[in-house]
Protein backbone atom coordinates (compact mmCIF):
# COMPACT_ATOMS: atom_id res chain seq x y z
CA MET A 1 0.00 0.00 0.00
CA ILE A 2 2.79 2.45 0.91
CA ALA A 3 4.66 1.62 -2.30
CA LYS A 4 1.55 2.37 -4.34
CA LEU A 5 1.00 5.70 -2.58
CA ALA A 6 4.66 6.63 -2.90
CA TYR A 7 4.59 5.85 -6.61
CA LYS A 8 1.65 8.17 -7.41
CA PRO A 9 3.60 11.46 -7.33
CA VAL A 10 6.68 9.81 -8.83
CA GLY A 11 4.59 8.42 -11.69
CA LEU A 12 2.95 11.78 -12.32
CA ILE A 13 6.25 13.66 -12.42
CA ALA A 14 7.86 10.92 -14.52
CA GLY A 15 4.97 11.05 -16.96
CA VAL A 16 5.27 14.78 -17.52
CA ALA A 17 9.05 14.67 -17.75
CA SER A 18 9.00 11.69 -20.12
CA GLY A 19 6.53 13.47 -22.41
CA LEU A 20 8.80 16.51 -22.63
CA LEU A 21 11.88 14.34 -23.15
CA ALA A 22 10.19 12.20 -25.80
CA GLY A 23 9.11 15.30 -27.71
CA ALA A 24 12.67 16.63 -27.74
CA VAL A 25 14.11 13.24 -28.75
CA PHE A 26 11.59 12.87 -31.59
CA LYS A 27 12.37 16.34 -32.89
CA GLN A 28 16.09 15.55 -32.99
CA VAL A 29 15.59 12.11 -34.56
CA TRP A 30 13.30 13.60 -37.23
CA ARG A 31 15.80 16.36 -37.92
CA ILE A 32 18.57 13.79 -38.46
CA ALA A 33 16.45 11.27 -40.37
CA ALA A 34 14.57 13.65 -42.67
CA GLY A 35 16.83 16.68 -42.65
CA GLU A 36 13.89 18.90 -41.72
CA ALA A 37 13.23 20.95 -38.61
CA ASP A 38 9.61 19.87 -38.19
CA ALA A 39 7.78 16.61 -38.77
CA PRO A 40 4.83 16.70 -41.15
CA ASN A 41 1.33 17.31 -39.86
CA ALA A 42 -1.31 14.80 -40.90
CA THR A 43 -3.29 17.59 -42.57
CA ASP A 44 -0.40 19.01 -44.60
CA GLU A 45 -1.55 18.56 -48.19
CA HIS A 46 1.99 18.91 -49.54
CA ARG A 47 3.24 15.83 -47.70
CA GLY A 48 2.67 12.28 -48.86
CA TRP A 49 0.90 9.52 -46.97
CA SER A 50 4.08 7.55 -46.39
CA GLU A 51 5.97 10.52 -44.92
CA VAL A 52 3.10 11.40 -42.57
CA LEU A 53 2.60 7.80 -41.44
CA ILE A 54 6.32 7.13 -40.94
CA ALA A 55 6.61 10.29 -38.84
CA ALA A 56 3.61 9.23 -36.74
CA ALA A 57 4.95 5.71 -36.23
CA LEU A 58 8.39 7.00 -35.25
CA GLN A 59 6.88 9.51 -32.85
CA GLY A 60 4.65 6.85 -31.27
CA ALA A 61 7.54 4.43 -30.84
CA ILE A 62 9.76 7.06 -29.22
CA PHE A 63 7.00 8.17 -26.84
CA ALA A 64 6.21 4.57 -25.86
CA ILE A 65 9.87 3.69 -25.21
CA VAL A 66 10.55 6.81 -23.15
CA LYS A 67 7.33 6.37 -21.13
CA ALA A 68 8.05 2.70 -20.44
CA ALA A 69 11.60 3.54 -19.33
CA ALA A 70 10.33 6.31 -17.02
CA ASP A 71 7.59 4.10 -15.54
CA ARG A 72 9.97 1.20 -15.03
CA GLY A 73 12.64 3.42 -13.49
CA GLY A 74 10.13 5.04 -11.16
CA ALA A 75 8.80 1.67 -10.01
CA ALA A 76 12.34 0.36 -9.45
CA GLY A 77 13.17 3.48 -7.42
CA ILE A 78 10.10 3.01 -5.23
CA LYS A 79 11.06 -0.63 -4.66
CA ARG A 80 14.53 0.45 -3.54
CA LEU A 81 12.97 2.96 -1.11
CA THR A 82 10.11 0.84 0.26
CA GLY A 83 11.19 -2.73 -0.47
CA LYS A 84 7.96 -3.37 -2.40
CA TRP A 85 7.05 -3.10 -6.06
CA PRO A 86 4.19 -0.64 -6.63
CA THR A 87 1.12 -2.29 -8.15
């Protein structure tokens, strides 16, 4: 119970921080991969389907990886502090 309560604020902070980090990572990866400053918007009529969908898939993968790493790290930290895994 204590581990779960302790994890709540950690999870919230980790979620916000991971979202900001993932956005910055995606922007850099897109800049390197496509040579453009901004990824295409889905409604940009001058961009093709493949470019828009690849950008969306890459962004989703980066956000999922960063979020999972933050959640896992937060849970491991709580276990070190409390001795119990938050559920």
